[in-house]
Amino acid sequence: MLSDDGMDLILRNARTHNFWQDKPVSDVTVQALHELLRHGPTSANCSPARFLFIRTPEGKARLAPHLSDGNHDKTMAAPVTAIVAYDMRFYEHLAKLFPHNLDARTWFEGNDEVVFSTAFRNGTLQGAYLMIAARALGLDIGAMSGFDNAGVDAEFFPDGRFRSNFLCNIGYGDPTEMPPKNPRPDFDEVCELL
């Protein structure tokens, strides 16, 4: 089991950051982030998430017109913004990822509804793994909606294979700019034991 300090780091004391220190995130750190998150489980090991890590001024300039007003400044200031997307043809990789059942591709091919629900659900899980892995590596995150998905997809994924799900700013948060943590639901408000 993780220590209390570990649980505090990845969940209990973790915060959504909107302000960032002027401290870069290295290529080595981004690669370590993927190395850790890729081990999180997905159904049939389908691993449909695709991550575009935007770090350059040119990349941020391409993203900027698609952001809501409330997300613009914090995204431009973040060292890295990940577009968390999902691959609508993830099943093409199942022979490698799920080799003990070479028929797995047939579960999806030609069934757009199942492809979408599987890609979106599992890609979202992998986005959560991204956030937990970032925190485990000492990074801070700021996940968000508040952008034009169609515009982002046209700009960065024009062939339509990948679709954006959400954005996640990554870096080193400014601890002087943290409001109090918002409340969370209590067990009896959202859970039931049968």
N, C-alpha and C. Protein backbone atom coordinates (compact mmCIF):
# COMPACT_ATOMS: atom_id res chain seq x y z
N MET A 1 0.84 -1.18 0.00
CA MET A 1 0.00 0.00 0.00
C MET A 1 0.89 1.25 0.00
N LEU A 2 0.43 2.28 -0.68
CA LEU A 2 1.14 3.55 -0.67
C LEU A 2 1.13 4.15 0.73
N SER A 3 2.16 4.90 1.03
CA SER A 3 2.20 5.63 2.30
C SER A 3 1.17 6.76 2.25
N ASP A 4 0.86 7.31 3.41
CA ASP A 4 -0.03 8.47 3.45
C ASP A 4 0.52 9.62 2.61
N ASP A 5 1.84 9.79 2.66
CA ASP A 5 2.45 10.86 1.85
C ASP A 5 2.20 10.63 0.36
N GLY A 6 2.31 9.36 -0.07
CA GLY A 6 2.06 9.04 -1.47
C GLY A 6 0.61 9.29 -1.86
N MET A 7 -0.33 8.89 -1.00
CA MET A 7 -1.74 9.12 -1.29
C MET A 7 -2.08 10.60 -1.28
N ASP A 8 -1.43 11.35 -0.37
CA ASP A 8 -1.62 12.80 -0.37
C ASP A 8 -1.14 13.41 -1.67
N LEU A 9 0.01 12.95 -2.14
CA LEU A 9 0.62 13.51 -3.35
C LEU A 9 -0.25 13.30 -4.58
N ILE A 10 -0.76 12.09 -4.76
CA ILE A 10 -1.48 11.82 -6.01
C ILE A 10 -2.97 12.14 -5.96
N LEU A 11 -3.56 12.19 -4.76
CA LEU A 11 -5.01 12.43 -4.70
C LEU A 11 -5.43 13.41 -3.61
N ARG A 12 -5.16 13.10 -2.35
CA ARG A 12 -5.77 13.88 -1.27
C ARG A 12 -5.39 15.36 -1.27
N ASN A 13 -4.14 15.66 -1.49
CA ASN A 13 -3.70 17.05 -1.49
C ASN A 13 -3.47 17.59 -2.90
N ALA A 14 -3.74 16.78 -3.90
CA ALA A 14 -3.53 17.21 -5.28
C ALA A 14 -4.54 18.28 -5.65
N ARG A 15 -4.12 19.21 -6.45
CA ARG A 15 -4.96 20.35 -6.81
C ARG A 15 -4.93 20.55 -8.32
N THR A 16 -5.96 21.21 -8.81
CA THR A 16 -5.98 21.66 -10.19
C THR A 16 -5.29 23.02 -10.22
N HIS A 17 -4.24 23.13 -10.99
CA HIS A 17 -3.46 24.38 -11.03
C HIS A 17 -3.87 25.24 -12.22
N ASN A 18 -3.91 26.54 -11.95
CA ASN A 18 -4.21 27.53 -12.98
C ASN A 18 -3.06 28.50 -13.20
N PHE A 19 -2.08 28.48 -12.30
CA PHE A 19 -0.92 29.37 -12.39
C PHE A 19 0.33 28.51 -12.31
N TRP A 20 1.34 28.90 -13.10
CA TRP A 20 2.49 28.04 -13.31
C TRP A 20 3.79 28.76 -13.04
N GLN A 21 4.75 28.04 -12.48
CA GLN A 21 6.11 28.54 -12.35
C GLN A 21 6.76 28.53 -13.73
N ASP A 22 7.69 29.43 -13.92
CA ASP A 22 8.42 29.49 -15.19
C ASP A 22 9.55 28.47 -15.13
N LYS A 23 9.15 27.20 -15.22
CA LYS A 23 10.09 26.09 -15.09
C LYS A 23 9.72 25.06 -16.15
N PRO A 24 10.62 24.75 -17.08
CA PRO A 24 10.27 23.83 -18.16
C PRO A 24 10.10 22.38 -17.70
N VAL A 25 9.39 21.63 -18.51
CA VAL A 25 9.25 20.19 -18.33
C VAL A 25 10.05 19.55 -19.46
N SER A 26 11.03 18.76 -19.11
CA SER A 26 11.96 18.22 -20.10
C SER A 26 11.33 17.09 -20.93
N ASP A 27 11.95 16.80 -22.07
CA ASP A 27 11.54 15.66 -22.88
C ASP A 27 11.63 14.37 -22.07
N VAL A 28 12.69 14.25 -21.28
CA VAL A 28 12.88 13.04 -20.46
C VAL A 28 11.72 12.88 -19.49
N THR A 29 11.26 13.97 -18.90
CA THR A 29 10.14 13.90 -17.96
C THR A 29 8.85 13.54 -18.68
N VAL A 30 8.61 14.10 -19.86
CA VAL A 30 7.41 13.75 -20.63
C VAL A 30 7.43 12.27 -21.00
N GLN A 31 8.60 11.76 -21.39
CA GLN A 31 8.72 10.34 -21.73
C GLN A 31 8.51 9.47 -20.49
N ALA A 32 9.03 9.90 -19.34
CA ALA A 32 8.82 9.16 -18.09
C ALA A 32 7.34 9.16 -17.71
N LEU A 33 6.66 10.24 -17.99
CA LEU A 33 5.23 10.33 -17.73
C LEU A 33 4.48 9.28 -18.54
N HIS A 34 4.80 9.19 -19.82
CA HIS A 34 4.13 8.17 -20.65
C HIS A 34 4.50 6.76 -20.20
N GLU A 35 5.75 6.57 -19.86
CA GLU A 35 6.20 5.24 -19.43
C GLU A 35 5.39 4.76 -18.22
N LEU A 36 5.06 5.68 -17.33
CA LEU A 36 4.29 5.31 -16.14
C LEU A 36 2.80 5.13 -16.47
N LEU A 37 2.21 6.07 -17.18
CA LEU A 37 0.76 6.01 -17.43
C LEU A 37 0.35 4.85 -18.31
N ARG A 38 1.23 4.40 -19.18
CA ARG A 38 0.86 3.35 -20.14
C ARG A 38 0.56 2.01 -19.49
N HIS A 39 0.92 1.88 -18.21
CA HIS A 39 0.68 0.63 -17.50
C HIS A 39 -0.71 0.54 -16.88
N GLY A 40 -1.48 1.61 -16.93
CA GLY A 40 -2.84 1.57 -16.40
C GLY A 40 -3.73 0.68 -17.25
N PRO A 41 -4.67 -0.04 -16.63
CA PRO A 41 -5.49 -0.99 -17.38
C PRO A 41 -6.55 -0.33 -18.27
N THR A 42 -6.81 -0.98 -19.40
CA THR A 42 -7.90 -0.64 -20.30
C THR A 42 -8.55 -1.95 -20.74
N SER A 43 -9.80 -1.88 -21.19
CA SER A 43 -10.48 -3.11 -21.59
C SER A 43 -9.79 -3.71 -22.81
N ALA A 44 -9.57 -5.00 -22.76
CA ALA A 44 -8.84 -5.74 -23.80
C ALA A 44 -7.50 -5.09 -24.11
N ASN A 45 -6.95 -4.39 -23.11
CA ASN A 45 -5.67 -3.70 -23.27
C ASN A 45 -5.66 -2.82 -24.53
N CYS A 46 -6.82 -2.26 -24.87
CA CYS A 46 -6.96 -1.55 -26.16
C CYS A 46 -6.18 -0.25 -26.23
N SER A 47 -5.90 0.39 -25.12
CA SER A 47 -5.03 1.58 -25.07
C SER A 47 -5.30 2.58 -26.19
N PRO A 48 -6.53 3.13 -26.26
CA PRO A 48 -6.86 4.01 -27.38
C PRO A 48 -6.40 5.45 -27.23
N ALA A 49 -5.91 5.85 -26.07
CA ALA A 49 -5.53 7.25 -25.87
C ALA A 49 -4.34 7.61 -26.74
N ARG A 50 -4.38 8.83 -27.22
CA ARG A 50 -3.26 9.42 -27.95
C ARG A 50 -3.00 10.77 -27.31
N PHE A 51 -1.74 11.10 -27.09
CA PHE A 51 -1.36 12.31 -26.37
C PHE A 51 -0.50 13.19 -27.26
N LEU A 52 -0.95 14.40 -27.46
CA LEU A 52 -0.14 15.39 -28.16
C LEU A 52 0.32 16.40 -27.12
N PHE A 53 1.62 16.41 -26.83
CA PHE A 53 2.19 17.29 -25.81
C PHE A 53 2.67 18.57 -26.49
N ILE A 54 2.00 19.65 -26.23
CA ILE A 54 2.31 20.93 -26.87
C ILE A 54 3.17 21.75 -25.93
N ARG A 55 4.38 22.09 -26.41
CA ARG A 55 5.32 22.84 -25.56
C ARG A 55 5.89 24.06 -26.26
N THR A 56 5.80 24.13 -27.55
CA THR A 56 6.44 25.22 -28.27
C THR A 56 5.50 26.42 -28.42
N PRO A 57 6.06 27.61 -28.59
CA PRO A 57 5.21 28.77 -28.86
C PRO A 57 4.36 28.58 -30.12
N GLU A 58 4.92 27.91 -31.12
CA GLU A 58 4.16 27.67 -32.36
C GLU A 58 2.96 26.76 -32.11
N GLY A 59 3.17 25.72 -31.32
CA GLY A 59 2.08 24.81 -30.99
C GLY A 59 1.01 25.49 -30.17
N LYS A 60 1.44 26.29 -29.19
CA LYS A 60 0.48 27.02 -28.35
C LYS A 60 -0.31 28.02 -29.20
N ALA A 61 0.35 28.65 -30.17
CA ALA A 61 -0.35 29.60 -31.05
C ALA A 61 -1.42 28.90 -31.87
N ARG A 62 -1.17 27.67 -32.27
CA ARG A 62 -2.19 26.91 -33.01
C ARG A 62 -3.36 26.51 -32.13
N LEU A 63 -3.08 26.26 -30.84
CA LEU A 63 -4.11 25.86 -29.91
C LEU A 63 -4.96 27.05 -29.43
N ALA A 64 -4.33 28.19 -29.27
CA ALA A 64 -4.96 29.36 -28.65
C ALA A 64 -6.34 29.73 -29.20
N PRO A 65 -6.56 29.76 -30.52
CA PRO A 65 -7.87 30.19 -31.02
C PRO A 65 -9.02 29.25 -30.63
N HIS A 66 -8.70 28.06 -30.16
CA HIS A 66 -9.72 27.07 -29.86
C HIS A 66 -10.06 26.99 -28.36
N LEU A 67 -9.41 27.83 -27.56
CA LEU A 67 -9.62 27.82 -26.11
C LEU A 67 -10.72 28.79 -25.70
N SER A 68 -11.47 28.43 -24.66
CA SER A 68 -12.42 29.38 -24.10
C SER A 68 -11.63 30.50 -23.43
N ASP A 69 -12.29 31.65 -23.26
CA ASP A 69 -11.60 32.80 -22.65
C ASP A 69 -11.01 32.45 -21.29
N GLY A 70 -11.74 31.70 -20.49
CA GLY A 70 -11.27 31.37 -19.15
C GLY A 70 -10.09 30.42 -19.11
N ASN A 71 -9.83 29.72 -20.20
CA ASN A 71 -8.72 28.76 -20.24
C ASN A 71 -7.52 29.26 -21.04
N HIS A 72 -7.65 30.41 -21.67
CA HIS A 72 -6.59 30.88 -22.56
C HIS A 72 -5.29 31.18 -21.81
N ASP A 73 -5.33 32.09 -20.86
CA ASP A 73 -4.09 32.56 -20.24
C ASP A 73 -3.35 31.46 -19.50
N LYS A 74 -4.09 30.63 -18.75
CA LYS A 74 -3.40 29.58 -18.00
C LYS A 74 -2.79 28.53 -18.93
N THR A 75 -3.41 28.31 -20.07
CA THR A 75 -2.87 27.34 -21.03
C THR A 75 -1.64 27.90 -21.73
N MET A 76 -1.68 29.17 -22.06
CA MET A 76 -0.51 29.78 -22.69
C MET A 76 0.68 29.82 -21.72
N ALA A 77 0.40 29.92 -20.42
CA ALA A 77 1.48 29.99 -19.42
C ALA A 77 2.01 28.63 -19.01
N ALA A 78 1.24 27.58 -19.22
CA ALA A 78 1.66 26.23 -18.78
C ALA A 78 2.84 25.75 -19.61
N PRO A 79 3.82 25.11 -18.98
CA PRO A 79 4.95 24.58 -19.73
C PRO A 79 4.55 23.57 -20.81
N VAL A 80 3.55 22.75 -20.50
CA VAL A 80 3.08 21.71 -21.44
C VAL A 80 1.55 21.69 -21.38
N THR A 81 0.94 21.56 -22.54
CA THR A 81 -0.49 21.26 -22.60
C THR A 81 -0.65 19.98 -23.40
N ALA A 82 -1.23 18.98 -22.76
CA ALA A 82 -1.49 17.71 -23.44
C ALA A 82 -2.91 17.74 -24.01
N ILE A 83 -3.02 17.43 -25.28
CA ILE A 83 -4.33 17.12 -25.85
C ILE A 83 -4.51 15.63 -25.63
N VAL A 84 -5.47 15.29 -24.80
CA VAL A 84 -5.78 13.88 -24.54
C VAL A 84 -6.85 13.49 -25.56
N ALA A 85 -6.47 12.62 -26.47
CA ALA A 85 -7.34 12.23 -27.57
C ALA A 85 -7.51 10.71 -27.56
N TYR A 86 -8.36 10.24 -28.45
CA TYR A 86 -8.54 8.79 -28.59
C TYR A 86 -8.55 8.44 -30.06
N ASP A 87 -8.05 7.25 -30.35
CA ASP A 87 -7.88 6.74 -31.71
C ASP A 87 -9.11 5.92 -32.10
N MET A 88 -9.81 6.36 -33.14
CA MET A 88 -11.00 5.65 -33.59
C MET A 88 -10.67 4.37 -34.36
N ARG A 89 -9.38 4.10 -34.55
CA ARG A 89 -8.98 2.83 -35.16
C ARG A 89 -8.00 2.09 -34.24
N PHE A 90 -8.20 2.25 -32.94
CA PHE A 90 -7.35 1.60 -31.95
C PHE A 90 -7.28 0.10 -32.16
N TYR A 91 -8.36 -0.48 -32.68
CA TYR A 91 -8.44 -1.94 -32.83
C TYR A 91 -7.42 -2.49 -33.81
N GLU A 92 -6.85 -1.62 -34.64
CA GLU A 92 -5.80 -2.06 -35.56
C GLU A 92 -4.54 -2.51 -34.83
N HIS A 93 -4.42 -2.14 -33.57
CA HIS A 93 -3.23 -2.49 -32.78
C HIS A 93 -3.47 -3.66 -31.83
N LEU A 94 -4.64 -4.25 -31.87
CA LEU A 94 -4.95 -5.30 -30.90
C LEU A 94 -4.13 -6.57 -31.09
N ALA A 95 -3.68 -6.85 -32.29
CA ALA A 95 -2.84 -8.04 -32.49
C ALA A 95 -1.58 -7.95 -31.63
N LYS A 96 -1.06 -6.74 -31.47
CA LYS A 96 0.11 -6.53 -30.61
C LYS A 96 -0.30 -6.44 -29.14
N LEU A 97 -1.36 -5.68 -28.85
CA LEU A 97 -1.71 -5.36 -27.48
C LEU A 97 -2.51 -6.45 -26.76
N PHE A 98 -3.19 -7.28 -27.52
CA PHE A 98 -4.05 -8.33 -26.95
C PHE A 98 -3.79 -9.63 -27.72
N PRO A 99 -2.53 -10.11 -27.74
CA PRO A 99 -2.12 -11.18 -28.65
C PRO A 99 -2.73 -12.55 -28.33
N HIS A 100 -3.26 -12.75 -27.15
CA HIS A 100 -3.83 -14.05 -26.82
C HIS A 100 -5.22 -14.25 -27.42
N ASN A 101 -5.78 -13.19 -28.05
CA ASN A 101 -7.05 -13.34 -28.75
C ASN A 101 -6.98 -12.55 -30.05
N LEU A 102 -6.55 -13.21 -31.09
CA LEU A 102 -6.36 -12.53 -32.36
C LEU A 102 -7.68 -12.20 -33.06
N ASP A 103 -8.80 -12.64 -32.51
CA ASP A 103 -10.11 -12.26 -33.04
C ASP A 103 -10.62 -10.95 -32.45
N ALA A 104 -9.91 -10.36 -31.50
CA ALA A 104 -10.41 -9.17 -30.79
C ALA A 104 -10.72 -8.02 -31.74
N ARG A 105 -9.97 -7.91 -32.80
CA ARG A 105 -10.23 -6.83 -33.77
C ARG A 105 -11.65 -6.90 -34.31
N THR A 106 -12.17 -8.10 -34.48
CA THR A 106 -13.51 -8.27 -35.05
C THR A 106 -14.60 -7.78 -34.12
N TRP A 107 -14.31 -7.62 -32.83
CA TRP A 107 -15.29 -7.09 -31.89
C TRP A 107 -15.64 -5.63 -32.21
N PHE A 108 -14.72 -4.96 -32.90
CA PHE A 108 -14.85 -3.52 -33.11
C PHE A 108 -15.00 -3.12 -34.58
N GLU A 109 -14.25 -3.74 -35.44
CA GLU A 109 -14.19 -3.33 -36.84
C GLU A 109 -15.59 -3.33 -37.45
N GLY A 110 -15.98 -2.17 -38.01
CA GLY A 110 -17.28 -2.03 -38.64
C GLY A 110 -18.41 -1.70 -37.70
N ASN A 111 -18.13 -1.56 -36.40
CA ASN A 111 -19.16 -1.24 -35.42
C ASN A 111 -18.81 0.11 -34.77
N ASP A 112 -19.20 1.19 -35.45
CA ASP A 112 -18.80 2.53 -35.02
C ASP A 112 -19.25 2.87 -33.61
N GLU A 113 -20.42 2.40 -33.20
CA GLU A 113 -20.92 2.71 -31.86
C GLU A 113 -20.04 2.08 -30.79
N VAL A 114 -19.66 0.83 -30.99
CA VAL A 114 -18.81 0.14 -30.02
C VAL A 114 -17.40 0.72 -30.05
N VAL A 115 -16.91 1.06 -31.23
CA VAL A 115 -15.60 1.69 -31.34
C VAL A 115 -15.58 2.99 -30.54
N PHE A 116 -16.58 3.85 -30.78
CA PHE A 116 -16.60 5.13 -30.07
C PHE A 116 -16.69 4.95 -28.57
N SER A 117 -17.63 4.14 -28.09
CA SER A 117 -17.80 4.01 -26.64
C SER A 117 -16.55 3.41 -26.00
N THR A 118 -15.92 2.47 -26.66
CA THR A 118 -14.70 1.84 -26.11
C THR A 118 -13.54 2.83 -26.13
N ALA A 119 -13.37 3.53 -27.24
CA ALA A 119 -12.27 4.49 -27.36
C ALA A 119 -12.43 5.64 -26.37
N PHE A 120 -13.64 6.18 -26.28
CA PHE A 120 -13.87 7.32 -25.40
C PHE A 120 -13.71 6.92 -23.93
N ARG A 121 -14.31 5.83 -23.52
CA ARG A 121 -14.24 5.38 -22.12
C ARG A 121 -12.80 5.07 -21.73
N ASN A 122 -12.13 4.26 -22.50
CA ASN A 122 -10.78 3.85 -22.15
C ASN A 122 -9.76 4.97 -22.34
N GLY A 123 -9.98 5.82 -23.34
CA GLY A 123 -9.12 6.99 -23.51
C GLY A 123 -9.24 7.95 -22.34
N THR A 124 -10.47 8.08 -21.80
CA THR A 124 -10.68 8.91 -20.62
C THR A 124 -9.96 8.32 -19.41
N LEU A 125 -10.05 7.01 -19.24
CA LEU A 125 -9.29 6.35 -18.17
C LEU A 125 -7.80 6.67 -18.30
N GLN A 126 -7.28 6.56 -19.51
CA GLN A 126 -5.86 6.82 -19.71
C GLN A 126 -5.52 8.29 -19.44
N GLY A 127 -6.46 9.19 -19.70
CA GLY A 127 -6.24 10.58 -19.33
C GLY A 127 -6.13 10.75 -17.82
N ALA A 128 -6.94 9.99 -17.07
CA ALA A 128 -6.84 10.02 -15.61
C ALA A 128 -5.49 9.43 -15.17
N TYR A 129 -5.05 8.38 -15.84
CA TYR A 129 -3.73 7.82 -15.51
C TYR A 129 -2.64 8.86 -15.76
N LEU A 130 -2.79 9.64 -16.82
CA LEU A 130 -1.84 10.72 -17.12
C LEU A 130 -1.75 11.67 -15.92
N MET A 131 -2.90 12.07 -15.38
CA MET A 131 -2.90 13.02 -14.27
C MET A 131 -2.27 12.42 -13.02
N ILE A 132 -2.61 11.18 -12.71
CA ILE A 132 -2.04 10.53 -11.52
C ILE A 132 -0.54 10.31 -11.70
N ALA A 133 -0.14 9.88 -12.89
CA ALA A 133 1.29 9.67 -13.15
C ALA A 133 2.06 10.99 -13.05
N ALA A 134 1.49 12.07 -13.58
CA ALA A 134 2.16 13.37 -13.49
C ALA A 134 2.38 13.76 -12.03
N ARG A 135 1.35 13.59 -11.23
CA ARG A 135 1.47 13.92 -9.81
C ARG A 135 2.50 13.02 -9.12
N ALA A 136 2.52 11.75 -9.48
CA ALA A 136 3.50 10.81 -8.89
C ALA A 136 4.93 11.22 -9.23
N LEU A 137 5.11 11.88 -10.38
CA LEU A 137 6.44 12.32 -10.80
C LEU A 137 6.78 13.72 -10.28
N GLY A 138 5.91 14.29 -9.45
CA GLY A 138 6.19 15.61 -8.88
C GLY A 138 5.72 16.77 -9.73
N LEU A 139 4.92 16.49 -10.76
CA LEU A 139 4.36 17.53 -11.61
C LEU A 139 2.98 17.92 -11.09
N ASP A 140 2.51 19.06 -11.53
CA ASP A 140 1.15 19.50 -11.24
C ASP A 140 0.37 19.50 -12.54
N ILE A 141 -0.95 19.45 -12.41
CA ILE A 141 -1.80 19.39 -13.61
C ILE A 141 -2.98 20.34 -13.47
N GLY A 142 -3.54 20.66 -14.61
CA GLY A 142 -4.78 21.42 -14.68
C GLY A 142 -5.59 20.90 -15.85
N ALA A 143 -6.43 19.91 -15.59
CA ALA A 143 -7.26 19.32 -16.65
C ALA A 143 -8.44 20.22 -16.92
N MET A 144 -8.93 20.23 -18.16
CA MET A 144 -10.04 21.12 -18.50
C MET A 144 -10.77 20.68 -19.76
N SER A 145 -12.02 21.07 -19.77
CA SER A 145 -12.80 21.09 -21.01
C SER A 145 -12.64 22.52 -21.51
N GLY A 146 -13.71 23.20 -21.84
CA GLY A 146 -13.58 24.62 -22.17
C GLY A 146 -12.73 24.90 -23.39
N PHE A 147 -12.95 24.12 -24.45
CA PHE A 147 -12.28 24.37 -25.72
C PHE A 147 -13.16 23.83 -26.83
N ASP A 148 -12.87 24.23 -28.02
CA ASP A 148 -13.64 23.81 -29.20
C ASP A 148 -13.03 22.51 -29.72
N ASN A 149 -13.67 21.38 -29.37
CA ASN A 149 -13.14 20.07 -29.79
C ASN A 149 -13.02 19.99 -31.31
N ALA A 150 -14.04 20.42 -32.02
CA ALA A 150 -14.01 20.32 -33.49
C ALA A 150 -12.87 21.16 -34.06
N GLY A 151 -12.65 22.34 -33.49
CA GLY A 151 -11.55 23.18 -33.96
C GLY A 151 -10.20 22.57 -33.67
N VAL A 152 -10.03 22.01 -32.48
CA VAL A 152 -8.77 21.34 -32.13
C VAL A 152 -8.54 20.15 -33.05
N ASP A 153 -9.60 19.37 -33.29
CA ASP A 153 -9.45 18.20 -34.15
C ASP A 153 -9.07 18.60 -35.57
N ALA A 154 -9.70 19.66 -36.09
CA ALA A 154 -9.37 20.12 -37.44
C ALA A 154 -7.94 20.62 -37.52
N GLU A 155 -7.48 21.28 -36.46
CA GLU A 155 -6.13 21.85 -36.44
C GLU A 155 -5.05 20.79 -36.28
N PHE A 156 -5.27 19.85 -35.36
CA PHE A 156 -4.21 18.91 -35.01
C PHE A 156 -4.42 17.49 -35.53
N PHE A 157 -5.65 17.10 -35.81
CA PHE A 157 -5.97 15.73 -36.25
C PHE A 157 -6.88 15.77 -37.48
N PRO A 158 -6.44 16.39 -38.56
CA PRO A 158 -7.35 16.65 -39.69
C PRO A 158 -7.84 15.40 -40.41
N ASP A 159 -7.17 14.27 -40.25
CA ASP A 159 -7.65 13.08 -40.97
C ASP A 159 -8.82 12.40 -40.26
N GLY A 160 -9.17 12.87 -39.04
CA GLY A 160 -10.34 12.36 -38.33
C GLY A 160 -10.12 11.08 -37.55
N ARG A 161 -8.94 10.52 -37.62
CA ARG A 161 -8.68 9.27 -36.90
C ARG A 161 -8.67 9.50 -35.39
N PHE A 162 -8.02 10.57 -34.95
CA PHE A 162 -7.96 10.90 -33.53
C PHE A 162 -9.00 11.97 -33.24
N ARG A 163 -9.58 11.91 -32.04
CA ARG A 163 -10.55 12.92 -31.59
C ARG A 163 -10.16 13.39 -30.21
N SER A 164 -10.18 14.69 -30.03
CA SER A 164 -9.81 15.26 -28.73
C SER A 164 -10.89 14.96 -27.70
N ASN A 165 -10.45 14.71 -26.48
CA ASN A 165 -11.34 14.46 -25.36
C ASN A 165 -11.27 15.65 -24.39
N PHE A 166 -10.08 15.87 -23.81
CA PHE A 166 -9.90 17.02 -22.92
C PHE A 166 -8.45 17.47 -23.00
N LEU A 167 -8.18 18.62 -22.40
CA LEU A 167 -6.84 19.17 -22.35
C LEU A 167 -6.32 19.05 -20.92
N CYS A 168 -5.02 18.96 -20.79
CA CYS A 168 -4.42 18.89 -19.46
C CYS A 168 -3.12 19.69 -19.46
N ASN A 169 -3.13 20.81 -18.74
CA ASN A 169 -1.90 21.57 -18.56
C ASN A 169 -1.02 20.83 -17.56
N ILE A 170 0.28 20.84 -17.82
CA ILE A 170 1.24 20.09 -17.01
C ILE A 170 2.44 20.97 -16.75
N GLY A 171 2.92 20.95 -15.52
CA GLY A 171 4.11 21.72 -15.18
C GLY A 171 4.30 21.73 -13.68
N TYR A 172 4.82 22.85 -13.22
CA TYR A 172 5.06 23.05 -11.80
C TYR A 172 4.20 24.22 -11.36
N GLY A 173 3.14 23.92 -10.62
CA GLY A 173 2.18 24.94 -10.23
C GLY A 173 2.79 25.97 -9.29
N ASP A 174 2.22 27.15 -9.33
CA ASP A 174 2.64 28.23 -8.44
C ASP A 174 1.89 28.07 -7.12
N PRO A 175 2.57 27.67 -6.05
CA PRO A 175 1.88 27.42 -4.78
C PRO A 175 1.33 28.68 -4.13
N THR A 176 1.77 29.85 -4.57
CA THR A 176 1.25 31.10 -3.97
C THR A 176 -0.10 31.48 -4.55
N GLU A 177 -0.55 30.78 -5.57
CA GLU A 177 -1.80 31.12 -6.26
C GLU A 177 -2.85 30.01 -6.12
N MET A 178 -2.97 29.45 -4.92
CA MET A 178 -3.91 28.35 -4.73
C MET A 178 -5.06 28.75 -3.82
N PRO A 179 -6.28 28.80 -4.35
CA PRO A 179 -7.43 29.02 -3.47
C PRO A 179 -7.70 27.76 -2.65
N PRO A 180 -8.57 27.84 -1.65
CA PRO A 180 -8.89 26.65 -0.86
C PRO A 180 -9.44 25.54 -1.75
N LYS A 181 -9.17 24.30 -1.35
CA LYS A 181 -9.67 23.15 -2.11
C LYS A 181 -11.20 23.08 -1.98
N ASN A 182 -11.86 22.84 -3.09
CA ASN A 182 -13.32 22.72 -3.09
C ASN A 182 -13.74 21.43 -2.40
N PRO A 183 -14.93 21.41 -1.81
CA PRO A 183 -15.40 20.20 -1.13
C PRO A 183 -15.67 19.08 -2.12
N ARG A 184 -15.68 17.86 -1.59
CA ARG A 184 -16.00 16.67 -2.37
C ARG A 184 -17.21 16.01 -1.72
N PRO A 185 -17.98 15.21 -2.47
CA PRO A 185 -19.12 14.53 -1.86
C PRO A 185 -18.68 13.52 -0.81
N ASP A 186 -19.49 13.38 0.23
CA ASP A 186 -19.26 12.36 1.24
C ASP A 186 -19.73 11.01 0.73
N PHE A 187 -19.24 9.96 1.39
CA PHE A 187 -19.57 8.58 0.99
C PHE A 187 -21.07 8.39 0.86
N ASP A 188 -21.84 8.79 1.88
CA ASP A 188 -23.27 8.50 1.85
C ASP A 188 -24.04 9.34 0.84
N GLU A 189 -23.41 10.32 0.26
CA GLU A 189 -24.05 11.12 -0.79
C GLU A 189 -23.95 10.47 -2.17
N VAL A 190 -22.91 9.67 -2.38
CA VAL A 190 -22.68 9.16 -3.74
C VAL A 190 -22.44 7.66 -3.80
N CYS A 191 -22.45 6.99 -2.66
CA CYS A 191 -22.15 5.56 -2.63
C CYS A 191 -23.27 4.78 -1.96
N GLU A 192 -23.37 3.52 -2.34
CA GLU A 192 -24.34 2.62 -1.73
C GLU A 192 -23.72 1.24 -1.65
N LEU A 193 -23.95 0.56 -0.56
CA LEU A 193 -23.47 -0.81 -0.39
C LEU A 193 -24.65 -1.76 -0.49
N LEU A 194 -24.54 -2.77 -1.31
CA LEU A 194 -25.60 -3.78 -1.45
C LEU A 194 -25.10 -5.12 -0.94
